[in-house]
Amino acid sequence: MFEVFGGILGGALGGIFRLAPEVLKFFDKKNERSHEMLMFARQCELEQIRGQMKLAEIGAQREAAVDVGVMDAFNAAIEQQATMVKAAGGWAASLSASVRPVVTYWILLVWSFVHLWFGWNSWLAGASPIEVFKMMMSPDFSALLAGTINYWFLDRTLKQRGL
């Protein structure tokens, strides 16, 4: 009986050991496929990031080209104005040179008067000084002030550099 049982046990163990490599190969191929799928997904993400970086680079180059064009136009306008003033000479040159400062002072004066009037009326209506100040320092006013200051100082800086 031990011989029959030993033969059956040996046959069963032999079958199990014969099937074990096939089962291990199945799980190994399954892991390999999931690894390849993960690597493919990562590669797709990498290509997407590369594409976004290339688009950003193209956009930056385009913006740089636009900025160069704007600076060229700005320089041309300054040169044209300078030659016009030189050609006019005398009182016409003085009048031409006074236009920008007079317009700048006028705009800042009007805008400041409107802001002070607005602030005064807001304060009389009961608004707190902090709220009035926040309302007065609007993005429009800040842009006007910054643009005016940049215009005058940038213009002088560019003239000093010969641009």
N, C-alpha and C. Protein backbone atom coordinates (compact mmCIF):
# COMPACT_ATOMS: atom_id res chain seq x y z
N MET A 1 0.81 -1.17 0.00
CA MET A 1 0.00 0.00 0.00
C MET A 1 0.88 1.26 0.00
N PHE A 2 1.98 1.16 0.71
CA PHE A 2 2.89 2.29 0.72
C PHE A 2 3.45 2.55 -0.68
N GLU A 3 3.62 1.48 -1.45
CA GLU A 3 4.14 1.64 -2.80
C GLU A 3 3.12 2.34 -3.69
N VAL A 4 1.86 2.03 -3.57
CA VAL A 4 0.81 2.66 -4.36
C VAL A 4 0.69 4.13 -3.95
N PHE A 5 0.66 4.30 -2.62
CA PHE A 5 0.56 5.66 -2.13
C PHE A 5 1.80 6.46 -2.51
N GLY A 6 2.96 5.88 -2.45
CA GLY A 6 4.20 6.53 -2.84
C GLY A 6 4.22 6.86 -4.31
N GLY A 7 3.67 5.97 -5.15
CA GLY A 7 3.62 6.24 -6.59
C GLY A 7 2.68 7.37 -6.92
N ILE A 8 1.55 7.38 -6.24
CA ILE A 8 0.58 8.46 -6.48
C ILE A 8 1.16 9.78 -5.98
N LEU A 9 1.75 9.71 -4.79
CA LEU A 9 2.34 10.92 -4.23
C LEU A 9 3.48 11.42 -5.12
N GLY A 10 4.29 10.53 -5.60
CA GLY A 10 5.39 10.91 -6.49
C GLY A 10 4.88 11.50 -7.79
N GLY A 11 3.83 10.88 -8.34
CA GLY A 11 3.25 11.41 -9.58
C GLY A 11 2.64 12.79 -9.37
N ALA A 12 1.96 12.97 -8.23
CA ALA A 12 1.34 14.27 -7.94
C ALA A 12 2.41 15.33 -7.72
N LEU A 13 3.44 14.97 -6.94
CA LEU A 13 4.52 15.92 -6.72
C LEU A 13 5.25 16.23 -8.02
N GLY A 14 5.46 15.24 -8.83
CA GLY A 14 6.10 15.46 -10.12
C GLY A 14 5.27 16.37 -11.00
N GLY A 15 3.95 16.19 -11.00
CA GLY A 15 3.06 17.06 -11.79
C GLY A 15 3.07 18.50 -11.28
N ILE A 16 3.08 18.61 -9.94
CA ILE A 16 3.09 19.96 -9.35
C ILE A 16 4.39 20.67 -9.70
N PHE A 17 5.51 19.93 -9.55
CA PHE A 17 6.80 20.55 -9.86
C PHE A 17 6.94 20.81 -11.36
N ARG A 18 6.26 20.04 -12.17
CA ARG A 18 6.31 20.26 -13.62
C ARG A 18 5.47 21.50 -13.99
N LEU A 19 4.35 21.73 -13.30
CA LEU A 19 3.48 22.87 -13.58
C LEU A 19 3.98 24.16 -12.91
N ALA A 20 4.75 24.05 -11.86
CA ALA A 20 5.21 25.23 -11.12
C ALA A 20 5.94 26.24 -12.02
N PRO A 21 6.87 25.83 -12.89
CA PRO A 21 7.51 26.83 -13.76
C PRO A 21 6.53 27.52 -14.69
N GLU A 22 5.54 26.79 -15.16
CA GLU A 22 4.55 27.40 -16.06
C GLU A 22 3.71 28.44 -15.32
N VAL A 23 3.33 28.13 -14.08
CA VAL A 23 2.57 29.09 -13.26
C VAL A 23 3.43 30.31 -12.98
N LEU A 24 4.70 30.11 -12.64
CA LEU A 24 5.61 31.23 -12.39
C LEU A 24 5.81 32.07 -13.65
N LYS A 25 5.90 31.42 -14.81
CA LYS A 25 6.02 32.17 -16.07
C LYS A 25 4.79 33.02 -16.32
N PHE A 26 3.61 32.48 -16.00
CA PHE A 26 2.36 33.23 -16.20
C PHE A 26 2.37 34.51 -15.35
N PHE A 27 2.71 34.38 -14.06
CA PHE A 27 2.74 35.55 -13.19
C PHE A 27 3.86 36.51 -13.60
N ASP A 28 4.98 35.97 -14.06
CA ASP A 28 6.08 36.82 -14.51
C ASP A 28 5.67 37.63 -15.74
N LYS A 29 4.98 37.00 -16.68
CA LYS A 29 4.53 37.73 -17.87
C LYS A 29 3.49 38.78 -17.50
N LYS A 30 2.64 38.44 -16.52
CA LYS A 30 1.64 39.42 -16.08
C LYS A 30 2.34 40.63 -15.48
N ASN A 31 3.34 40.42 -14.63
CA ASN A 31 4.10 41.53 -14.04
C ASN A 31 4.86 42.30 -15.11
N GLU A 32 5.39 41.58 -16.07
CA GLU A 32 6.13 42.24 -17.16
C GLU A 32 5.22 43.14 -17.97
N ARG A 33 4.00 42.65 -18.27
CA ARG A 33 3.05 43.48 -19.03
C ARG A 33 2.64 44.72 -18.24
N SER A 34 2.39 44.57 -16.94
CA SER A 34 2.01 45.75 -16.14
C SER A 34 3.18 46.72 -16.05
N HIS A 35 4.41 46.22 -15.99
CA HIS A 35 5.59 47.09 -15.97
C HIS A 35 5.72 47.84 -17.30
N GLU A 36 5.53 47.12 -18.40
CA GLU A 36 5.60 47.78 -19.71
C GLU A 36 4.50 48.82 -19.86
N MET A 37 3.33 48.53 -19.33
CA MET A 37 2.23 49.50 -19.40
C MET A 37 2.56 50.74 -18.58
N LEU A 38 3.13 50.54 -17.40
CA LEU A 38 3.53 51.67 -16.56
C LEU A 38 4.61 52.49 -17.24
N MET A 39 5.59 51.85 -17.84
CA MET A 39 6.66 52.55 -18.53
C MET A 39 6.11 53.33 -19.74
N PHE A 40 5.15 52.75 -20.44
CA PHE A 40 4.54 53.45 -21.58
C PHE A 40 3.79 54.69 -21.10
N ALA A 41 3.08 54.57 -19.98
CA ALA A 41 2.35 55.73 -19.44
C ALA A 41 3.32 56.83 -19.04
N ARG A 42 4.43 56.45 -18.41
CA ARG A 42 5.44 57.44 -18.01
C ARG A 42 6.07 58.10 -19.24
N GLN A 43 6.30 57.30 -20.27
CA GLN A 43 6.89 57.85 -21.50
C GLN A 43 5.91 58.84 -22.15
N CYS A 44 4.62 58.52 -22.12
CA CYS A 44 3.62 59.45 -22.67
C CYS A 44 3.60 60.76 -21.87
N GLU A 45 3.69 60.66 -20.54
CA GLU A 45 3.73 61.87 -19.71
C GLU A 45 4.96 62.71 -20.03
N LEU A 46 6.10 62.04 -20.22
CA LEU A 46 7.33 62.74 -20.55
C LEU A 46 7.21 63.47 -21.89
N GLU A 47 6.63 62.81 -22.87
CA GLU A 47 6.45 63.45 -24.18
C GLU A 47 5.48 64.62 -24.09
N GLN A 48 4.47 64.49 -23.26
CA GLN A 48 3.52 65.59 -23.08
C GLN A 48 4.22 66.79 -22.45
N ILE A 49 5.05 66.55 -21.44
CA ILE A 49 5.80 67.63 -20.79
C ILE A 49 6.77 68.27 -21.77
N ARG A 50 7.44 67.45 -22.58
CA ARG A 50 8.35 68.00 -23.60
C ARG A 50 7.60 68.88 -24.59
N GLY A 51 6.40 68.45 -24.98
CA GLY A 51 5.60 69.26 -25.90
C GLY A 51 5.21 70.59 -25.29
N GLN A 52 4.82 70.57 -24.01
CA GLN A 52 4.46 71.81 -23.33
C GLN A 52 5.66 72.74 -23.21
N MET A 53 6.82 72.17 -22.92
CA MET A 53 8.03 72.98 -22.82
C MET A 53 8.38 73.60 -24.17
N LYS A 54 8.20 72.84 -25.24
CA LYS A 54 8.50 73.37 -26.57
C LYS A 54 7.54 74.51 -26.92
N LEU A 55 6.26 74.34 -26.58
CA LEU A 55 5.29 75.41 -26.82
C LEU A 55 5.63 76.65 -26.01
N ALA A 56 6.05 76.46 -24.77
CA ALA A 56 6.44 77.60 -23.93
C ALA A 56 7.67 78.29 -24.51
N GLU A 57 8.60 77.51 -25.03
CA GLU A 57 9.80 78.09 -25.65
C GLU A 57 9.44 78.90 -26.88
N ILE A 58 8.55 78.37 -27.70
CA ILE A 58 8.11 79.09 -28.90
C ILE A 58 7.40 80.38 -28.50
N GLY A 59 6.55 80.31 -27.45
CA GLY A 59 5.85 81.51 -26.99
C GLY A 59 6.83 82.56 -26.47
N ALA A 60 7.86 82.12 -25.74
CA ALA A 60 8.85 83.06 -25.22
C ALA A 60 9.64 83.71 -26.36
N GLN A 61 9.97 82.93 -27.39
CA GLN A 61 10.68 83.49 -28.54
C GLN A 61 9.81 84.51 -29.27
N ARG A 62 8.53 84.21 -29.39
CA ARG A 62 7.62 85.14 -30.05
C ARG A 62 7.49 86.43 -29.24
N GLU A 63 7.36 86.30 -27.92
CA GLU A 63 7.26 87.48 -27.07
C GLU A 63 8.54 88.32 -27.13
N ALA A 64 9.67 87.64 -27.19
CA ALA A 64 10.94 88.37 -27.30
C ALA A 64 11.00 89.12 -28.62
N ALA A 65 10.53 88.49 -29.69
CA ALA A 65 10.53 89.16 -30.99
C ALA A 65 9.60 90.37 -30.97
N VAL A 66 8.45 90.23 -30.33
CA VAL A 66 7.51 91.36 -30.21
C VAL A 66 8.14 92.47 -29.40
N ASP A 67 8.80 92.11 -28.29
CA ASP A 67 9.46 93.12 -27.45
C ASP A 67 10.54 93.86 -28.22
N VAL A 68 11.30 93.14 -29.03
CA VAL A 68 12.33 93.78 -29.85
C VAL A 68 11.67 94.75 -30.84
N GLY A 69 10.57 94.33 -31.44
CA GLY A 69 9.85 95.21 -32.36
C GLY A 69 9.32 96.45 -31.67
N VAL A 70 8.80 96.28 -30.47
CA VAL A 70 8.28 97.43 -29.71
C VAL A 70 9.41 98.39 -29.38
N MET A 71 10.54 97.86 -28.93
CA MET A 71 11.68 98.73 -28.61
C MET A 71 12.21 99.44 -29.85
N ASP A 72 12.23 98.74 -30.99
CA ASP A 72 12.66 99.40 -32.24
C ASP A 72 11.72 100.53 -32.61
N ALA A 73 10.41 100.28 -32.47
CA ALA A 73 9.44 101.34 -32.77
C ALA A 73 9.58 102.50 -31.80
N PHE A 74 9.81 102.20 -30.54
CA PHE A 74 9.99 103.24 -29.53
C PHE A 74 11.23 104.07 -29.85
N ASN A 75 12.32 103.41 -30.19
CA ASN A 75 13.54 104.12 -30.54
C ASN A 75 13.35 104.98 -31.79
N ALA A 76 12.63 104.43 -32.77
CA ALA A 76 12.38 105.19 -34.00
C ALA A 76 11.54 106.44 -33.70
N ALA A 77 10.56 106.30 -32.82
CA ALA A 77 9.73 107.45 -32.46
C ALA A 77 10.55 108.52 -31.75
N ILE A 78 11.45 108.10 -30.87
CA ILE A 78 12.30 109.06 -30.17
C ILE A 78 13.22 109.77 -31.16
N GLU A 79 13.81 108.99 -32.07
CA GLU A 79 14.70 109.59 -33.06
C GLU A 79 13.94 110.56 -33.97
N GLN A 80 12.74 110.18 -34.38
CA GLN A 80 11.94 111.05 -35.24
C GLN A 80 11.59 112.34 -34.52
N GLN A 81 11.22 112.22 -33.26
CA GLN A 81 10.88 113.43 -32.50
C GLN A 81 12.11 114.32 -32.33
N ALA A 82 13.25 113.70 -32.05
CA ALA A 82 14.48 114.48 -31.88
C ALA A 82 14.86 115.21 -33.16
N THR A 83 14.76 114.56 -34.30
CA THR A 83 15.10 115.23 -35.57
C THR A 83 14.09 116.32 -35.90
N MET A 84 12.83 116.10 -35.55
CA MET A 84 11.80 117.10 -35.80
C MET A 84 12.06 118.35 -34.95
N VAL A 85 12.42 118.13 -33.69
CA VAL A 85 12.69 119.26 -32.79
C VAL A 85 13.92 120.02 -33.28
N LYS A 86 14.96 119.31 -33.70
CA LYS A 86 16.17 119.97 -34.19
C LYS A 86 15.88 120.77 -35.46
N ALA A 87 15.04 120.20 -36.32
CA ALA A 87 14.71 120.89 -37.57
C ALA A 87 13.87 122.14 -37.32
N ALA A 88 13.02 122.11 -36.29
CA ALA A 88 12.15 123.25 -36.03
C ALA A 88 12.94 124.44 -35.51
N GLY A 89 13.80 124.20 -34.53
CA GLY A 89 14.64 125.26 -33.99
C GLY A 89 13.84 126.34 -33.27
N GLY A 90 14.50 127.15 -32.45
CA GLY A 90 13.91 128.32 -31.80
C GLY A 90 12.74 128.02 -30.91
N TRP A 91 11.72 128.92 -31.03
CA TRP A 91 10.56 128.81 -30.16
C TRP A 91 9.74 127.56 -30.45
N ALA A 92 9.74 127.09 -31.70
CA ALA A 92 8.99 125.88 -32.03
C ALA A 92 9.59 124.67 -31.31
N ALA A 93 10.92 124.63 -31.22
CA ALA A 93 11.58 123.53 -30.51
C ALA A 93 11.25 123.58 -29.02
N SER A 94 11.22 124.78 -28.47
CA SER A 94 10.88 124.92 -27.05
C SER A 94 9.44 124.50 -26.78
N LEU A 95 8.55 124.93 -27.68
CA LEU A 95 7.14 124.55 -27.52
C LEU A 95 6.98 123.03 -27.65
N SER A 96 7.66 122.45 -28.63
CA SER A 96 7.58 121.00 -28.82
C SER A 96 8.14 120.26 -27.61
N ALA A 97 9.22 120.76 -27.05
CA ALA A 97 9.83 120.10 -25.90
C ALA A 97 8.97 120.24 -24.65
N SER A 98 8.10 121.25 -24.59
CA SER A 98 7.28 121.45 -23.40
C SER A 98 5.97 120.68 -23.44
N VAL A 99 5.64 120.08 -24.56
CA VAL A 99 4.33 119.42 -24.68
C VAL A 99 4.22 118.24 -23.72
N ARG A 100 5.21 117.38 -23.72
CA ARG A 100 5.13 116.19 -22.86
C ARG A 100 5.07 116.55 -21.37
N PRO A 101 5.90 117.44 -20.89
CA PRO A 101 5.79 117.77 -19.46
C PRO A 101 4.46 118.42 -19.11
N VAL A 102 3.99 119.32 -19.97
CA VAL A 102 2.73 120.00 -19.68
C VAL A 102 1.58 119.01 -19.66
N VAL A 103 1.55 118.11 -20.64
CA VAL A 103 0.48 117.10 -20.68
C VAL A 103 0.58 116.17 -19.46
N THR A 104 1.78 115.80 -19.10
CA THR A 104 1.98 114.94 -17.93
C THR A 104 1.48 115.62 -16.67
N TYR A 105 1.86 116.87 -16.46
CA TYR A 105 1.41 117.59 -15.27
C TYR A 105 -0.10 117.75 -15.27
N TRP A 106 -0.67 118.04 -16.43
CA TRP A 106 -2.10 118.24 -16.52
C TRP A 106 -2.84 116.95 -16.17
N ILE A 107 -2.40 115.82 -16.74
CA ILE A 107 -3.06 114.53 -16.45
C ILE A 107 -2.95 114.20 -14.97
N LEU A 108 -1.75 114.33 -14.42
CA LEU A 108 -1.57 114.01 -13.00
C LEU A 108 -2.37 114.96 -12.12
N LEU A 109 -2.46 116.22 -12.48
CA LEU A 109 -3.23 117.19 -11.70
C LEU A 109 -4.72 116.85 -11.73
N VAL A 110 -5.26 116.60 -12.91
CA VAL A 110 -6.68 116.27 -13.03
C VAL A 110 -6.98 114.98 -12.29
N TRP A 111 -6.17 113.96 -12.51
CA TRP A 111 -6.42 112.67 -11.86
C TRP A 111 -6.31 112.81 -10.34
N SER A 112 -5.33 113.56 -9.87
CA SER A 112 -5.17 113.74 -8.43
C SER A 112 -6.35 114.53 -7.85
N PHE A 113 -6.79 115.57 -8.56
CA PHE A 113 -7.94 116.34 -8.09
C PHE A 113 -9.17 115.45 -7.99
N VAL A 114 -9.41 114.62 -8.98
CA VAL A 114 -10.56 113.72 -8.96
C VAL A 114 -10.44 112.75 -7.79
N HIS A 115 -9.24 112.24 -7.56
CA HIS A 115 -9.05 111.31 -6.45
C HIS A 115 -9.26 112.00 -5.10
N LEU A 116 -8.74 113.19 -4.95
CA LEU A 116 -8.94 113.90 -3.69
C LEU A 116 -10.41 114.23 -3.47
N TRP A 117 -11.10 114.64 -4.50
CA TRP A 117 -12.53 114.93 -4.40
C TRP A 117 -13.29 113.66 -4.03
N PHE A 118 -12.96 112.57 -4.68
CA PHE A 118 -13.59 111.29 -4.39
C PHE A 118 -13.31 110.88 -2.94
N GLY A 119 -12.06 111.00 -2.52
CA GLY A 119 -11.69 110.64 -1.16
C GLY A 119 -12.40 111.49 -0.13
N TRP A 120 -12.47 112.79 -0.38
CA TRP A 120 -13.13 113.71 0.55
C TRP A 120 -14.62 113.37 0.69
N ASN A 121 -15.29 113.15 -0.44
CA ASN A 121 -16.71 112.82 -0.40
C ASN A 121 -16.95 111.45 0.24
N SER A 122 -16.06 110.51 0.02
CA SER A 122 -16.19 109.19 0.66
C SER A 122 -16.02 109.32 2.16
N TRP A 123 -15.06 110.13 2.57
CA TRP A 123 -14.82 110.32 3.99
C TRP A 123 -16.02 111.02 4.65
N LEU A 124 -16.61 112.02 3.94
CA LEU A 124 -17.79 112.69 4.47
C LEU A 124 -18.98 111.75 4.55
N ALA A 125 -19.01 110.76 3.64
CA ALA A 125 -20.12 109.79 3.65
C ALA A 125 -19.95 108.74 4.75
N GLY A 126 -18.79 108.74 5.42
CA GLY A 126 -18.61 107.83 6.55
C GLY A 126 -17.68 106.66 6.28
N ALA A 127 -17.00 106.65 5.16
CA ALA A 127 -16.06 105.55 4.88
C ALA A 127 -14.80 105.74 5.72
N SER A 128 -14.21 104.62 6.10
CA SER A 128 -12.98 104.72 6.90
C SER A 128 -11.82 105.16 6.01
N PRO A 129 -10.81 105.81 6.61
CA PRO A 129 -9.67 106.27 5.82
C PRO A 129 -8.97 105.13 5.06
N ILE A 130 -8.91 103.96 5.64
CA ILE A 130 -8.26 102.82 4.97
C ILE A 130 -9.04 102.43 3.72
N GLU A 131 -10.37 102.37 3.84
CA GLU A 131 -11.20 102.03 2.68
C GLU A 131 -11.07 103.10 1.60
N VAL A 132 -11.04 104.35 2.00
CA VAL A 132 -10.90 105.45 1.03
C VAL A 132 -9.57 105.33 0.31
N PHE A 133 -8.50 105.06 1.05
CA PHE A 133 -7.18 104.92 0.43
C PHE A 133 -7.15 103.75 -0.54
N LYS A 134 -7.75 102.62 -0.14
CA LYS A 134 -7.78 101.46 -1.04
C LYS A 134 -8.56 101.77 -2.31
N MET A 135 -9.65 102.51 -2.18
CA MET A 135 -10.43 102.88 -3.37
C MET A 135 -9.66 103.86 -4.26
N MET A 136 -8.92 104.78 -3.63
CA MET A 136 -8.18 105.77 -4.41
C MET A 136 -7.02 105.14 -5.17
N MET A 137 -6.37 104.15 -4.58
CA MET A 137 -5.23 103.50 -5.23
C MET A 137 -5.72 102.36 -6.12
N SER A 138 -6.52 102.71 -7.06
CA SER A 138 -7.09 101.71 -7.98
C SER A 138 -6.02 101.24 -8.96
N PRO A 139 -6.25 100.13 -9.61
CA PRO A 139 -5.29 99.67 -10.62
C PRO A 139 -5.10 100.69 -11.75
N ASP A 140 -6.15 101.41 -12.10
CA ASP A 140 -6.03 102.42 -13.15
C ASP A 140 -5.10 103.56 -12.72
N PHE A 141 -5.29 104.02 -11.50
CA PHE A 141 -4.44 105.11 -11.01
C PHE A 141 -2.99 104.64 -10.89
N SER A 142 -2.79 103.44 -10.38
CA SER A 142 -1.43 102.90 -10.25
C SER A 142 -0.78 102.75 -11.62
N ALA A 143 -1.55 102.29 -12.61
CA ALA A 143 -1.00 102.14 -13.96
C ALA A 143 -0.65 103.49 -14.57
N LEU A 144 -1.49 104.49 -14.36
CA LEU A 144 -1.21 105.82 -14.89
C LEU A 144 0.04 106.40 -14.24
N LEU A 145 0.14 106.30 -12.95
CA LEU A 145 1.29 106.82 -12.24
C LEU A 145 2.57 106.09 -12.65
N ALA A 146 2.53 104.77 -12.67
CA ALA A 146 3.70 103.98 -13.05
C ALA A 146 4.09 104.25 -14.50
N GLY A 147 3.10 104.35 -15.38
CA GLY A 147 3.40 104.63 -16.78
C GLY A 147 4.05 105.98 -16.97
N THR A 148 3.57 106.98 -16.25
CA THR A 148 4.15 108.32 -16.36
C THR A 148 5.59 108.34 -15.85
N ILE A 149 5.79 107.74 -14.71
CA ILE A 149 7.16 107.70 -14.15
C ILE A 149 8.08 106.91 -15.06
N ASN A 150 7.62 105.76 -15.54
CA ASN A 150 8.45 104.96 -16.45
C ASN A 150 8.75 105.70 -17.74
N TYR A 151 7.77 106.42 -18.22
CA TYR A 151 7.97 107.15 -19.47
C TYR A 151 9.10 108.16 -19.33
N TRP A 152 9.05 108.93 -18.25
CA TRP A 152 10.06 109.97 -18.09
C TRP A 152 11.43 109.40 -17.77
N PHE A 153 11.49 108.46 -16.85
CA PHE A 153 12.79 107.92 -16.47
C PHE A 153 13.34 106.95 -17.50
N LEU A 154 12.47 106.16 -18.13
CA LEU A 154 12.93 105.25 -19.18
C LEU A 154 13.43 106.03 -20.38
N ASP A 155 12.74 107.09 -20.72
CA ASP A 155 13.16 107.92 -21.86
C ASP A 155 14.55 108.49 -21.61
N ARG A 156 14.79 109.00 -20.43
CA ARG A 156 16.11 109.57 -20.12
C ARG A 156 17.17 108.49 -20.07
N THR A 157 16.83 107.34 -19.54
CA THR A 157 17.80 106.24 -19.48
C THR A 157 18.19 105.79 -20.88
N LEU A 158 17.20 105.68 -21.76
CA LEU A 158 17.49 105.27 -23.13
C LEU A 158 18.32 106.33 -23.86
N LYS A 159 18.05 107.60 -23.61
CA LYS A 159 18.83 108.66 -24.23
C LYS A 159 20.27 108.60 -23.75
N GLN A 160 20.46 108.36 -22.47
CA GLN A 160 21.83 108.30 -21.92
C GLN A 160 22.60 107.13 -22.52
N ARG A 161 21.92 106.07 -22.83
CA ARG A 161 22.59 104.89 -23.40
C ARG A 161 22.67 104.98 -24.91
N GLY A 162 22.13 106.00 -25.49
CA GLY A 162 22.19 106.16 -26.94
C GLY A 162 21.22 105.28 -27.70
N LEU A 163 20.17 104.86 -27.05
CA LEU A 163 19.18 104.01 -27.73
C LEU A 163 18.02 104.80 -28.25
